[in-house]
Amino acid sequence: MTETDLGDVFVAGERVELSSDIDGAAHLAGRRVTIDAAVGGDAYAFGQDVRLAGPVTGAATLGGYDVTVDAAVTGNLRAAGRHVTVAAPVSGAALIFAQNLRIDAPIAGDAVIGAERISFGPEGRIDGAVTLYADDDAVAALTGDRVDPARVDRRGRAPHEMRERLGVDWGEAIVGVVVATLVLALLAALVKALAPRGVERLGAVAAAAPWRALWMGFLALSTLIGAAFVLALTLIGLLAAPVLFVAAGLLAILGYVIGVYLLGTLAWSRFGGLEADSLGEYALVALIGAVLATLVGLVPFLGWLTLLALALVGIGALAIAALRPTFGD
């Protein structure tokens, strides 16, 4: 980006370089992102290698594998990466999470830091209070000439609330699974009650050609998500892209709910049950499908793939019933 007299800038690509000063905010994303010019507003940069080499008047939010701050940040700094280097002054506060963190310039405000290893260069120091999530090796780097020991709040490797949740509360977990299963059954029964004939037709479509339904579900969901990305690339369609993402999410949920009911119908028929024709039977069939889906979901990896296929079958049945593709027949 070399144009002049620009306000806000939005750039995405394999390699992105901002080489002319801008008055507004910079929004940059790519594999390698470099900011070589002054940014009058906030700077947002995400990629594999991110280098801030131009001063930022506002706040800087940076994320990547290697993140380097080589120019002054007047506002706050937020940075996350495997390797993060702060080699230029930060006038505001800093929020930094990294595996390896090197501070070689002063940070004037408070800092929240999470890191496995911390090192300081000759000019590196933190003038404000420090909230630290780190091991003893990292803590050893925070000597008195770098950080005031009285202003260091050691929290361990993870926030207290996060550490508490690392343990498994089996009672809470079981209740959560039961509630989720009941909600899923309720949604499936509701869909059947609202459109009984439609669900019967979808079941017939899926039973007649399950692989075709699976493929059509994959195609329909991919089309919506892909269309959202293509619209976003046109810039003009940026406003429409979120609508398509939401539509894809709703379609996935609806397809999954329909798939769960069809699974319950299959199990119901295998046990000799007749076609459900009352609200109570709808609920029972939906509950059977929800329980089976929940049990399948507990299987590591394969369970997730099975539930994904179930959702795609439901979406595909919807697409076939609505669009009536001929597939060359």
C-alpha atoms as a PDB file:
ATOM      1  CA  MET A   1       0.000   0.000   0.000  1.00  0.00           C
ATOM      2  CA  THR A   2       1.782   3.092  -1.270  1.00  0.00           C
ATOM      3  CA  GLU A   3      -1.060   5.574  -1.844  1.00  0.00           C
ATOM      4  CA  THR A   4      -1.020   8.806   0.159  1.00  0.00           C
ATOM      5  CA  ASP A   5      -3.713  10.815   1.972  1.00  0.00           C
ATOM      6  CA  LEU A   6      -5.517   7.726   3.180  1.00  0.00           C
ATOM      7  CA  GLY A   7      -7.774   7.260   6.185  1.00  0.00           C
ATOM      8  CA  ASP A   8      -8.545   3.734   7.281  1.00  0.00           C
ATOM      9  CA  VAL A   9      -6.868   0.924   5.354  1.00  0.00           C
ATOM     10  CA  PHE A  10      -7.977  -2.694   4.900  1.00  0.00           C
ATOM     11  CA  VAL A  11      -5.461  -4.985   3.189  1.00  0.00           C
ATOM     12  CA  ALA A  12      -5.218  -8.772   2.982  1.00  0.00           C
ATOM     13  CA  GLY A  13      -2.789 -10.869   0.977  1.00  0.00           C
ATOM     14  CA  GLU A  14       0.086 -13.335   1.023  1.00  0.00           C
ATOM     15  CA  ARG A  15       2.565 -10.516   1.702  1.00  0.00           C
ATOM     16  CA  VAL A  16       1.268  -7.183   2.968  1.00  0.00           C
ATOM     17  CA  GLU A  17       3.322  -4.017   3.406  1.00  0.00           C
ATOM     18  CA  LEU A  18       2.033  -0.621   4.475  1.00  0.00           C
ATOM     19  CA  SER A  19       4.620   1.858   3.196  1.00  0.00           C
ATOM     20  CA  SER A  20       2.785   5.197   3.261  1.00  0.00           C
ATOM     21  CA  ASP A  21       1.522   7.146   6.254  1.00  0.00           C
ATOM     22  CA  ILE A  22      -2.197   6.932   7.001  1.00  0.00           C
ATOM     23  CA  ASP A  23      -4.448   9.080   9.186  1.00  0.00           C
ATOM     24  CA  GLY A  24      -6.828   6.347  10.308  1.00  0.00           C
ATOM     25  CA  ALA A  25      -6.611   2.733  11.382  1.00  0.00           C
ATOM     26  CA  ALA A  26      -4.740  -0.090   9.653  1.00  0.00           C
ATOM     27  CA  HIS A  27      -6.373  -3.515   9.322  1.00  0.00           C
ATOM     28  CA  LEU A  28      -3.844  -5.928   7.817  1.00  0.00           C
ATOM     29  CA  ALA A  29      -3.732  -9.707   7.410  1.00  0.00           C
ATOM     30  CA  GLY A  30      -1.372 -11.998   5.517  1.00  0.00           C
ATOM     31  CA  ARG A  31       1.422 -14.523   5.827  1.00  0.00           C
ATOM     32  CA  ARG A  32       4.017 -11.771   6.176  1.00  0.00           C
ATOM     33  CA  VAL A  33       2.797  -8.371   7.342  1.00  0.00           C
ATOM     34  CA  THR A  34       5.011  -5.290   7.653  1.00  0.00           C
ATOM     35  CA  ILE A  35       4.040  -1.789   8.751  1.00  0.00           C
ATOM     36  CA  ASP A  36       6.797   0.593   7.592  1.00  0.00           C
ATOM     37  CA  ALA A  37       4.820   3.846   7.819  1.00  0.00           C
ATOM     38  CA  ALA A  38       3.145   5.914  10.512  1.00  0.00           C
ATOM     39  CA  VAL A  39      -0.385   4.926  11.555  1.00  0.00           C
ATOM     40  CA  GLY A  40      -2.507   7.810  12.871  1.00  0.00           C
ATOM     41  CA  GLY A  41      -5.119   5.552  14.461  1.00  0.00           C
ATOM     42  CA  ASP A  42      -5.042   1.982  15.721  1.00  0.00           C
ATOM     43  CA  ALA A  43      -3.111  -0.808  14.037  1.00  0.00           C
ATOM     44  CA  TYR A  44      -4.404  -4.390  13.675  1.00  0.00           C
ATOM     45  CA  ALA A  45      -2.046  -6.876  12.042  1.00  0.00           C
ATOM     46  CA  PHE A  46      -2.263 -10.677  11.910  1.00  0.00           C
ATOM     47  CA  GLY A  47      -0.113 -13.200  10.070  1.00  0.00           C
ATOM     48  CA  GLN A  48       2.758 -15.629  10.393  1.00  0.00           C
ATOM     49  CA  ASP A  49       5.443 -12.938  10.581  1.00  0.00           C
ATOM     50  CA  VAL A  50       4.277  -9.527  11.781  1.00  0.00           C
ATOM     51  CA  ARG A  51       6.635  -6.544  12.080  1.00  0.00           C
ATOM     52  CA  LEU A  52       5.651  -3.098  13.280  1.00  0.00           C
ATOM     53  CA  ALA A  53       8.322  -0.703  11.979  1.00  0.00           C
ATOM     54  CA  GLY A  54       6.242   2.463  11.805  1.00  0.00           C
ATOM     55  CA  PRO A  55       4.985   4.498  14.802  1.00  0.00           C
ATOM     56  CA  VAL A  56       1.398   3.994  15.918  1.00  0.00           C
ATOM     57  CA  THR A  57      -0.493   6.887  17.479  1.00  0.00           C
ATOM     58  CA  GLY A  58      -3.305   4.691  18.792  1.00  0.00           C
ATOM     59  CA  ALA A  59      -3.254   1.128  20.085  1.00  0.00           C
ATOM     60  CA  ALA A  60      -1.545  -1.793  18.355  1.00  0.00           C
ATOM     61  CA  THR A  61      -3.075  -5.288  18.248  1.00  0.00           C
ATOM     62  CA  LEU A  62      -0.701  -7.838  16.741  1.00  0.00           C
ATOM     63  CA  GLY A  63      -0.877 -11.614  16.371  1.00  0.00           C
ATOM     64  CA  GLY A  64       1.323 -14.172  14.656  1.00  0.00           C
ATOM     65  CA  TYR A  65       4.101 -16.710  15.004  1.00  0.00           C
ATOM     66  CA  ASP A  66       6.879 -14.089  15.112  1.00  0.00           C
ATOM     67  CA  VAL A  67       5.758 -10.640  16.257  1.00  0.00           C
ATOM     68  CA  THR A  68       8.229  -7.754  16.397  1.00  0.00           C
ATOM     69  CA  VAL A  69       7.571  -4.196  17.612  1.00  0.00           C
ATOM     70  CA  ASP A  70      10.327  -1.995  16.164  1.00  0.00           C
ATOM     71  CA  ALA A  71       8.502   1.356  16.355  1.00  0.00           C
ATOM     72  CA  ALA A  72       6.922   3.327  19.162  1.00  0.00           C
ATOM     73  CA  VAL A  73       3.322   2.675  20.213  1.00  0.00           C
ATOM     74  CA  THR A  74       1.645   5.688  21.808  1.00  0.00           C
ATOM     75  CA  GLY A  75      -1.412   3.754  22.995  1.00  0.00           C
ATOM     76  CA  ASN A  76      -1.740   0.245  24.384  1.00  0.00           C
ATOM     77  CA  LEU A  77      -0.036  -2.821  22.966  1.00  0.00           C
ATOM     78  CA  ARG A  78      -1.773  -6.199  22.609  1.00  0.00           C
ATOM     79  CA  ALA A  79       0.427  -8.907  21.166  1.00  0.00           C
ATOM     80  CA  ALA A  80       0.293 -12.704  20.957  1.00  0.00           C
ATOM     81  CA  GLY A  81       2.666 -15.132  19.272  1.00  0.00           C
ATOM     82  CA  ARG A  82       5.232 -17.842  19.742  1.00  0.00           C
ATOM     83  CA  HIS A  83       8.045 -15.280  19.661  1.00  0.00           C
ATOM     84  CA  VAL A  84       7.260 -11.682  20.616  1.00  0.00           C
ATOM     85  CA  THR A  85       9.888  -8.937  20.710  1.00  0.00           C
ATOM     86  CA  VAL A  86       9.215  -5.424  22.025  1.00  0.00           C
ATOM     87  CA  ALA A  87      12.134  -3.323  20.761  1.00  0.00           C
ATOM     88  CA  ALA A  88      10.478   0.104  20.817  1.00  0.00           C
ATOM     89  CA  PRO A  89       8.801   2.143  23.593  1.00  0.00           C
ATOM     90  CA  VAL A  90       5.167   1.524  24.535  1.00  0.00           C
ATOM     91  CA  SER A  91       3.559   4.568  26.167  1.00  0.00           C
ATOM     92  CA  GLY A  92       0.423   2.767  27.306  1.00  0.00           C
ATOM     93  CA  ALA A  93      -0.306  -0.592  28.863  1.00  0.00           C
ATOM     94  CA  ALA A  94       0.676  -3.962  27.408  1.00  0.00           C
ATOM     95  CA  LEU A  95      -1.114  -7.310  27.161  1.00  0.00           C
ATOM     96  CA  ILE A  96       1.322  -9.922  25.853  1.00  0.00           C
ATOM     97  CA  PHE A  97       1.101 -13.716  25.616  1.00  0.00           C
ATOM     98  CA  ALA A  98       3.995 -15.625  24.060  1.00  0.00           C
ATOM     99  CA  GLN A  99       6.200 -18.656  24.448  1.00  0.00           C
ATOM    100  CA  ASN A 100       9.332 -16.509  24.174  1.00  0.00           C
ATOM    101  CA  LEU A 101       9.114 -12.827  25.093  1.00  0.00           C
ATOM    102  CA  ARG A 102      11.955 -10.334  24.803  1.00  0.00           C
ATOM    103  CA  ILE A 103      11.555  -6.779  26.072  1.00  0.00           C
ATOM    104  CA  ASP A 104      14.241  -4.397  24.834  1.00  0.00           C
ATOM    105  CA  ALA A 105      12.439  -1.068  25.341  1.00  0.00           C
ATOM    106  CA  PRO A 106      10.463   0.602  28.138  1.00  0.00           C
ATOM    107  CA  ILE A 107       6.778  -0.144  28.690  1.00  0.00           C
ATOM    108  CA  ALA A 108       5.400   2.871  30.532  1.00  0.00           C
ATOM    109  CA  GLY A 109       2.049   1.473  31.674  1.00  0.00           C
ATOM    110  CA  ASP A 110       0.855  -1.653  33.407  1.00  0.00           C
ATOM    111  CA  ALA A 111       1.472  -5.030  31.803  1.00  0.00           C
ATOM    112  CA  VAL A 112      -0.284  -8.387  31.777  1.00  0.00           C
ATOM    113  CA  ILE A 113       2.168 -11.031  30.601  1.00  0.00           C
ATOM    114  CA  GLY A 114       1.894 -14.752  30.005  1.00  0.00           C
ATOM    115  CA  ALA A 115       5.098 -16.413  28.815  1.00  0.00           C
ATOM    116  CA  GLU A 116       7.293 -19.472  29.233  1.00  0.00           C
ATOM    117  CA  ARG A 117      10.513 -17.500  28.849  1.00  0.00           C
ATOM    118  CA  ILE A 118      11.104 -13.774  29.389  1.00  0.00           C
ATOM    119  CA  SER A 119      14.313 -11.888  28.656  1.00  0.00           C
ATOM    120  CA  PHE A 120      15.242  -8.200  28.830  1.00  0.00           C
ATOM    121  CA  GLY A 121      17.581  -6.207  26.637  1.00  0.00           C
ATOM    122  CA  PRO A 122      19.708  -3.265  27.821  1.00  0.00           C
ATOM    123  CA  GLU A 123      16.815  -0.792  27.515  1.00  0.00           C
ATOM    124  CA  GLY A 124      14.040  -3.125  28.547  1.00  0.00           C
ATOM    125  CA  ARG A 125      11.925  -2.371  31.617  1.00  0.00           C
ATOM    126  CA  ILE A 126       8.300  -2.147  32.774  1.00  0.00           C
ATOM    127  CA  ASP A 127       7.409   0.982  34.718  1.00  0.00           C
ATOM    128  CA  GLY A 128       3.876   0.002  35.739  1.00  0.00           C
ATOM    129  CA  ALA A 129       2.386  -2.891  37.671  1.00  0.00           C
ATOM    130  CA  VAL A 130       2.852  -6.394  36.246  1.00  0.00           C
ATOM    131  CA  THR A 131       0.346  -9.233  36.346  1.00  0.00           C
ATOM    132  CA  LEU A 132       2.327 -12.339  35.485  1.00  0.00           C
ATOM    133  CA  TYR A 133       1.276 -15.800  34.330  1.00  0.00           C
ATOM    134  CA  ALA A 134       4.571 -17.660  34.090  1.00  0.00           C
ATOM    135  CA  ASP A 135       6.872 -20.319  35.536  1.00  0.00           C
ATOM    136  CA  ASP A 136       9.739 -19.651  37.917  1.00  0.00           C
ATOM    137  CA  ASP A 137      12.236 -19.476  35.052  1.00  0.00           C
ATOM    138  CA  ALA A 138      10.365 -16.555  33.535  1.00  0.00           C
ATOM    139  CA  VAL A 139       9.892 -14.865  36.891  1.00  0.00           C
ATOM    140  CA  ALA A 140      13.652 -14.905  37.465  1.00  0.00           C
ATOM    141  CA  ALA A 141      14.079 -12.420  34.601  1.00  0.00           C
ATOM    142  CA  LEU A 142      12.017  -9.783  36.400  1.00  0.00           C
ATOM    143  CA  THR A 143      14.873  -8.354  38.443  1.00  0.00           C
ATOM    144  CA  GLY A 144      14.656  -5.148  40.441  1.00  0.00           C
ATOM    145  CA  ASP A 145      16.295  -3.017  37.769  1.00  0.00           C
ATOM    146  CA  ARG A 146      13.698  -4.146  35.206  1.00  0.00           C
ATOM    147  CA  VAL A 147      10.488  -4.303  37.226  1.00  0.00           C
ATOM    148  CA  ASP A 148       9.594  -3.083  40.707  1.00  0.00           C
ATOM    149  CA  PRO A 149       9.180  -6.359  42.670  1.00  0.00           C
ATOM    150  CA  ALA A 150       6.541  -4.739  44.873  1.00  0.00           C
ATOM    151  CA  ARG A 151       4.336  -4.204  41.808  1.00  0.00           C
ATOM    152  CA  VAL A 152       4.450  -7.782  40.493  1.00  0.00           C
ATOM    153  CA  ASP A 153       1.299  -9.889  40.959  1.00  0.00           C
ATOM    154  CA  ARG A 154       2.214 -13.531  40.351  1.00  0.00           C
ATOM    155  CA  ARG A 155      -0.757 -15.624  39.227  1.00  0.00           C
ATOM    156  CA  GLY A 156       0.929 -18.877  38.174  1.00  0.00           C
ATOM    157  CA  ARG A 157       0.766 -20.264  34.648  1.00  0.00           C
ATOM    158  CA  ALA A 158      -2.968 -19.680  34.133  1.00  0.00           C
ATOM    159  CA  PRO A 159      -5.691 -17.464  35.579  1.00  0.00           C
ATOM    160  CA  HIS A 160      -7.198 -18.824  38.780  1.00  0.00           C
ATOM    161  CA  GLU A 161     -10.580 -19.443  37.205  1.00  0.00           C
ATOM    162  CA  MET A 162      -8.977 -21.350  34.331  1.00  0.00           C
ATOM    163  CA  ARG A 163      -6.944 -23.552  36.654  1.00  0.00           C
ATOM    164  CA  GLU A 164     -10.082 -24.441  38.581  1.00  0.00           C
ATOM    165  CA  ARG A 165     -11.809 -25.554  35.398  1.00  0.00           C
ATOM    166  CA  LEU A 166      -8.979 -27.866  34.417  1.00  0.00           C
ATOM    167  CA  GLY A 167     -10.414 -30.396  36.880  1.00  0.00           C
ATOM    168  CA  VAL A 168     -13.503 -32.331  35.796  1.00  0.00           C
ATOM    169  CA  ASP A 169     -16.691 -31.950  37.807  1.00  0.00           C
ATOM    170  CA  TRP A 170     -18.401 -35.152  36.711  1.00  0.00           C
ATOM    171  CA  GLY A 171     -21.725 -34.198  38.220  1.00  0.00           C
ATOM    172  CA  GLU A 172     -21.779 -30.903  36.356  1.00  0.00           C
ATOM    173  CA  ALA A 173     -20.613 -32.605  33.162  1.00  0.00           C
ATOM    174  CA  ILE A 174     -23.366 -35.251  33.325  1.00  0.00           C
ATOM    175  CA  VAL A 175     -26.048 -32.641  33.998  1.00  0.00           C
ATOM    176  CA  GLY A 176     -24.762 -30.616  31.055  1.00  0.00           C
ATOM    177  CA  VAL A 177     -24.943 -33.612  28.719  1.00  0.00           C
ATOM    178  CA  VAL A 178     -28.467 -34.498  29.858  1.00  0.00           C
ATOM    179  CA  VAL A 179     -29.706 -30.915  29.441  1.00  0.00           C
ATOM    180  CA  ALA A 180     -28.100 -30.623  25.988  1.00  0.00           C
ATOM    181  CA  THR A 181     -29.713 -33.906  24.943  1.00  0.00           C
ATOM    182  CA  LEU A 182     -33.142 -32.781  26.126  1.00  0.00           C
ATOM    183  CA  VAL A 183     -32.830 -29.435  24.340  1.00  0.00           C
ATOM    184  CA  LEU A 184     -31.800 -31.224  21.146  1.00  0.00           C
ATOM    185  CA  ALA A 185     -34.766 -33.591  21.462  1.00  0.00           C
ATOM    186  CA  LEU A 186     -37.120 -30.649  22.030  1.00  0.00           C
ATOM    187  CA  LEU A 187     -35.856 -28.865  18.905  1.00  0.00           C
ATOM    188  CA  ALA A 188     -36.174 -32.025  16.797  1.00  0.00           C
ATOM    189  CA  ALA A 189     -39.712 -32.670  18.045  1.00  0.00           C
ATOM    190  CA  LEU A 190     -40.640 -29.039  17.397  1.00  0.00           C
ATOM    191  CA  VAL A 191     -39.407 -29.202  13.801  1.00  0.00           C
ATOM    192  CA  LYS A 192     -41.416 -32.381  13.247  1.00  0.00           C
ATOM    193  CA  ALA A 193     -44.537 -30.897  14.852  1.00  0.00           C
ATOM    194  CA  LEU A 194     -44.327 -27.720  12.740  1.00  0.00           C
ATOM    195  CA  ALA A 195     -43.758 -29.535   9.441  1.00  0.00           C
ATOM    196  CA  PRO A 196     -44.747 -33.196   9.782  1.00  0.00           C
ATOM    197  CA  ARG A 197     -45.214 -33.869   6.065  1.00  0.00           C
ATOM    198  CA  GLY A 198     -42.048 -31.986   5.196  1.00  0.00           C
ATOM    199  CA  VAL A 199     -39.945 -34.019   7.632  1.00  0.00           C
ATOM    200  CA  GLU A 200     -41.475 -37.245   6.271  1.00  0.00           C
ATOM    201  CA  ARG A 201     -40.455 -36.187   2.778  1.00  0.00           C
ATOM    202  CA  LEU A 202     -36.932 -35.384   3.948  1.00  0.00           C
ATOM    203  CA  GLY A 203     -36.732 -38.788   5.579  1.00  0.00           C
ATOM    204  CA  ALA A 204     -37.773 -40.455   2.335  1.00  0.00           C
ATOM    205  CA  VAL A 205     -35.161 -38.462   0.385  1.00  0.00           C
ATOM    206  CA  ALA A 206     -32.384 -39.370   2.827  1.00  0.00           C
ATOM    207  CA  ALA A 207     -33.420 -43.047   2.973  1.00  0.00           C
ATOM    208  CA  ALA A 208     -33.597 -43.360  -0.808  1.00  0.00           C
ATOM    209  CA  ALA A 209     -30.145 -41.884  -1.469  1.00  0.00           C
ATOM    210  CA  PRO A 210     -28.123 -41.248   1.715  1.00  0.00           C
ATOM    211  CA  TRP A 211     -24.829 -40.700  -0.114  1.00  0.00           C
ATOM    212  CA  ARG A 212     -26.468 -38.234  -2.475  1.00  0.00           C
ATOM    213  CA  ALA A 213     -27.922 -36.387   0.513  1.00  0.00           C
ATOM    214  CA  LEU A 214     -24.498 -36.322   2.186  1.00  0.00           C
ATOM    215  CA  TRP A 215     -22.863 -34.908  -0.930  1.00  0.00           C
ATOM    216  CA  MET A 216     -25.580 -32.322  -1.474  1.00  0.00           C
ATOM    217  CA  GLY A 217     -25.290 -31.234   2.159  1.00  0.00           C
ATOM    218  CA  PHE A 218     -21.552 -30.751   1.760  1.00  0.00           C
ATOM    219  CA  LEU A 219     -22.096 -28.834  -1.475  1.00  0.00           C
ATOM    220  CA  ALA A 220     -24.840 -26.576  -0.064  1.00  0.00           C
ATOM    221  CA  LEU A 221     -22.913 -25.649   3.088  1.00  0.00           C
ATOM    222  CA  SER A 222     -19.671 -25.134   1.140  1.00  0.00           C
ATOM    223  CA  THR A 223     -21.486 -22.891  -1.328  1.00  0.00           C
ATOM    224  CA  LEU A 224     -22.785 -20.579   1.401  1.00  0.00           C
ATOM    225  CA  ILE A 225     -19.460 -20.342   3.225  1.00  0.00           C
ATOM    226  CA  GLY A 226     -17.485 -19.972   0.012  1.00  0.00           C
ATOM    227  CA  ALA A 227     -19.848 -17.283  -1.259  1.00  0.00           C
ATOM    228  CA  ALA A 228     -19.277 -15.335   1.962  1.00  0.00           C
ATOM    229  CA  PHE A 229     -15.504 -15.349   1.411  1.00  0.00           C
ATOM    230  CA  VAL A 230     -15.839 -14.375  -2.247  1.00  0.00           C
ATOM    231  CA  LEU A 231     -18.160 -11.500  -1.373  1.00  0.00           C
ATOM    232  CA  ALA A 232     -15.720 -10.327   1.282  1.00  0.00           C
ATOM    233  CA  LEU A 233     -12.941 -10.192  -1.334  1.00  0.00           C
ATOM    234  CA  THR A 234     -14.989  -7.767  -3.425  1.00  0.00           C
ATOM    235  CA  LEU A 235     -15.030  -5.287  -0.488  1.00  0.00           C
ATOM    236  CA  ILE A 236     -18.443  -4.131  -1.728  1.00  0.00           C
ATOM    237  CA  GLY A 237     -19.917  -7.371  -0.420  1.00  0.00           C
ATOM    238  CA  LEU A 238     -18.328  -7.108   3.028  1.00  0.00           C
ATOM    239  CA  LEU A 239     -21.696  -6.165   4.515  1.00  0.00           C
ATOM    240  CA  ALA A 240     -23.402  -9.186   2.956  1.00  0.00           C
ATOM    241  CA  ALA A 241     -20.695 -11.679   3.948  1.00  0.00           C
ATOM    242  CA  PRO A 242     -21.700 -11.840   7.655  1.00  0.00           C
ATOM    243  CA  VAL A 243     -25.292 -12.523   6.606  1.00  0.00           C
ATOM    244  CA  LEU A 244     -24.139 -15.559   4.619  1.00  0.00           C
ATOM    245  CA  PHE A 245     -22.028 -16.808   7.527  1.00  0.00           C
ATOM    246  CA  VAL A 246     -25.062 -16.532   9.799  1.00  0.00           C
ATOM    247  CA  ALA A 247     -27.211 -18.293   7.197  1.00  0.00           C
ATOM    248  CA  ALA A 248     -24.639 -21.085   6.951  1.00  0.00           C
ATOM    249  CA  GLY A 249     -24.649 -21.474  10.729  1.00  0.00           C
ATOM    250  CA  LEU A 250     -28.440 -21.602  10.899  1.00  0.00           C
ATOM    251  CA  LEU A 251     -28.551 -24.088   8.031  1.00  0.00           C
ATOM    252  CA  ALA A 252     -26.016 -26.297   9.808  1.00  0.00           C
ATOM    253  CA  ILE A 253     -28.078 -26.232  13.024  1.00  0.00           C
ATOM    254  CA  LEU A 254     -31.309 -26.991  11.170  1.00  0.00           C
ATOM    255  CA  GLY A 255     -29.646 -29.786   9.208  1.00  0.00           C
ATOM    256  CA  TYR A 256     -28.287 -31.308  12.413  1.00  0.00           C
ATOM    257  CA  VAL A 257     -31.676 -31.168  14.132  1.00  0.00           C
ATOM    258  CA  ILE A 258     -33.343 -32.770  11.118  1.00  0.00           C
ATOM    259  CA  GLY A 259     -30.605 -35.401  10.973  1.00  0.00           C
ATOM    260  CA  VAL A 260     -31.148 -36.211  14.652  1.00  0.00           C
ATOM    261  CA  TYR A 261     -34.877 -36.714  14.079  1.00  0.00           C
ATOM    262  CA  LEU A 262     -34.202 -38.904  11.037  1.00  0.00           C
ATOM    263  CA  LEU A 263     -31.785 -40.953  13.128  1.00  0.00           C
ATOM    264  CA  GLY A 264     -34.497 -41.400  15.757  1.00  0.00           C
ATOM    265  CA  THR A 265     -36.978 -42.408  13.050  1.00  0.00           C
ATOM    266  CA  LEU A 266     -34.557 -45.037  11.742  1.00  0.00           C
ATOM    267  CA  ALA A 267     -34.047 -46.495  15.216  1.00  0.00           C
ATOM    268  CA  TRP A 268     -37.797 -46.346  15.938  1.00  0.00           C
ATOM    269  CA  SER A 269     -38.625 -48.273  12.756  1.00  0.00           C
ATOM    270  CA  ARG A 270     -35.920 -50.877  13.446  1.00  0.00           C
ATOM    271  CA  PHE A 271     -37.628 -51.670  16.746  1.00  0.00           C
ATOM    272  CA  GLY A 272     -40.940 -52.178  14.951  1.00  0.00           C
ATOM    273  CA  GLY A 273     -42.467 -48.784  15.610  1.00  0.00           C
ATOM    274  CA  LEU A 274     -45.005 -47.404  13.153  1.00  0.00           C
ATOM    275  CA  GLU A 275     -44.860 -43.919  11.666  1.00  0.00           C
ATOM    276  CA  ALA A 276     -45.137 -41.370  14.482  1.00  0.00           C
ATOM    277  CA  ASP A 277     -48.449 -39.518  14.211  1.00  0.00           C
ATOM    278  CA  SER A 278     -48.880 -37.699  17.523  1.00  0.00           C
ATOM    279  CA  LEU A 279     -46.986 -35.076  19.479  1.00  0.00           C
ATOM    280  CA  GLY A 280     -46.030 -37.630  22.121  1.00  0.00           C
ATOM    281  CA  GLU A 281     -44.600 -39.996  19.550  1.00  0.00           C
ATOM    282  CA  TYR A 282     -42.768 -37.113  17.862  1.00  0.00           C
ATOM    283  CA  ALA A 283     -41.150 -36.327  21.206  1.00  0.00           C
ATOM    284  CA  LEU A 284     -40.230 -39.972  21.821  1.00  0.00           C
ATOM    285  CA  VAL A 285     -38.657 -40.396  18.381  1.00  0.00           C
ATOM    286  CA  ALA A 286     -36.780 -37.113  18.808  1.00  0.00           C
ATOM    287  CA  LEU A 287     -35.528 -38.207  22.235  1.00  0.00           C
ATOM    288  CA  ILE A 288     -34.273 -41.513  20.807  1.00  0.00           C
ATOM    289  CA  GLY A 289     -32.405 -39.658  18.071  1.00  0.00           C
ATOM    290  CA  ALA A 290     -30.937 -37.125  20.516  1.00  0.00           C
ATOM    291  CA  VAL A 291     -29.735 -39.842  22.899  1.00  0.00           C
ATOM    292  CA  LEU A 292     -28.122 -41.798  20.063  1.00  0.00           C
ATOM    293  CA  ALA A 293     -26.453 -38.641  18.717  1.00  0.00           C
ATOM    294  CA  THR A 294     -25.148 -37.772  22.181  1.00  0.00           C
ATOM    295  CA  LEU A 295     -23.733 -41.259  22.691  1.00  0.00           C
ATOM    296  CA  VAL A 296     -22.092 -41.195  19.258  1.00  0.00           C
ATOM    297  CA  GLY A 297     -20.635 -37.768  20.018  1.00  0.00           C
ATOM    298  CA  LEU A 298     -18.815 -39.184  23.046  1.00  0.00           C
ATOM    299  CA  VAL A 299     -16.624 -41.332  20.771  1.00  0.00           C
ATOM    300  CA  PRO A 300     -13.318 -39.489  20.242  1.00  0.00           C
ATOM    301  CA  PHE A 301     -12.820 -38.062  16.735  1.00  0.00           C
ATOM    302  CA  LEU A 302     -15.031 -40.592  14.916  1.00  0.00           C
ATOM    303  CA  GLY A 303     -18.020 -39.354  16.913  1.00  0.00           C
ATOM    304  CA  TRP A 304     -17.486 -35.805  15.674  1.00  0.00           C
ATOM    305  CA  LEU A 305     -17.168 -36.992  12.063  1.00  0.00           C
ATOM    306  CA  THR A 306     -20.359 -39.027  12.392  1.00  0.00           C
ATOM    307  CA  LEU A 307     -22.323 -36.075  13.767  1.00  0.00           C
ATOM    308  CA  LEU A 308     -20.942 -33.877  11.000  1.00  0.00           C
ATOM    309  CA  ALA A 309     -22.118 -36.411   8.435  1.00  0.00           C
ATOM    310  CA  LEU A 310     -25.514 -36.501  10.149  1.00  0.00           C
ATOM    311  CA  ALA A 311     -25.839 -32.727   9.833  1.00  0.00           C
ATOM    312  CA  LEU A 312     -24.767 -32.832   6.187  1.00  0.00           C
ATOM    313  CA  VAL A 313     -27.366 -35.505   5.418  1.00  0.00           C
ATOM    314  CA  GLY A 314     -30.046 -33.291   6.950  1.00  0.00           C
ATOM    315  CA  ILE A 315     -28.841 -30.277   4.937  1.00  0.00           C
ATOM    316  CA  GLY A 316     -28.629 -32.391   1.785  1.00  0.00           C
ATOM    317  CA  ALA A 317     -32.154 -33.693   2.194  1.00  0.00           C
ATOM    318  CA  LEU A 318     -33.349 -30.101   2.526  1.00  0.00           C
ATOM    319  CA  ALA A 319     -31.400 -29.050  -0.586  1.00  0.00           C
ATOM    320  CA  ILE A 320     -32.675 -31.970  -2.678  1.00  0.00           C
ATOM    321  CA  ALA A 321     -36.278 -31.417  -1.602  1.00  0.00           C
ATOM    322  CA  ALA A 322     -36.094 -27.678  -2.288  1.00  0.00           C
ATOM    323  CA  LEU A 323     -33.950 -27.574  -5.455  1.00  0.00           C
ATOM    324  CA  ARG A 324     -34.796 -30.960  -7.034  1.00  0.00           C
ATOM    325  CA  PRO A 325     -31.398 -31.461  -8.755  1.00  0.00           C
ATOM    326  CA  THR A 326     -31.420 -34.048 -11.526  1.00  0.00           C
ATOM    327  CA  PHE A 327     -27.740 -35.167 -11.279  1.00  0.00           C
ATOM    328  CA  GLY A 328     -27.828 -35.950 -14.960  1.00  0.00           C
ATOM    329  CA  ASP A 329     -30.659 -38.496 -14.602  1.00  0.00           C
END
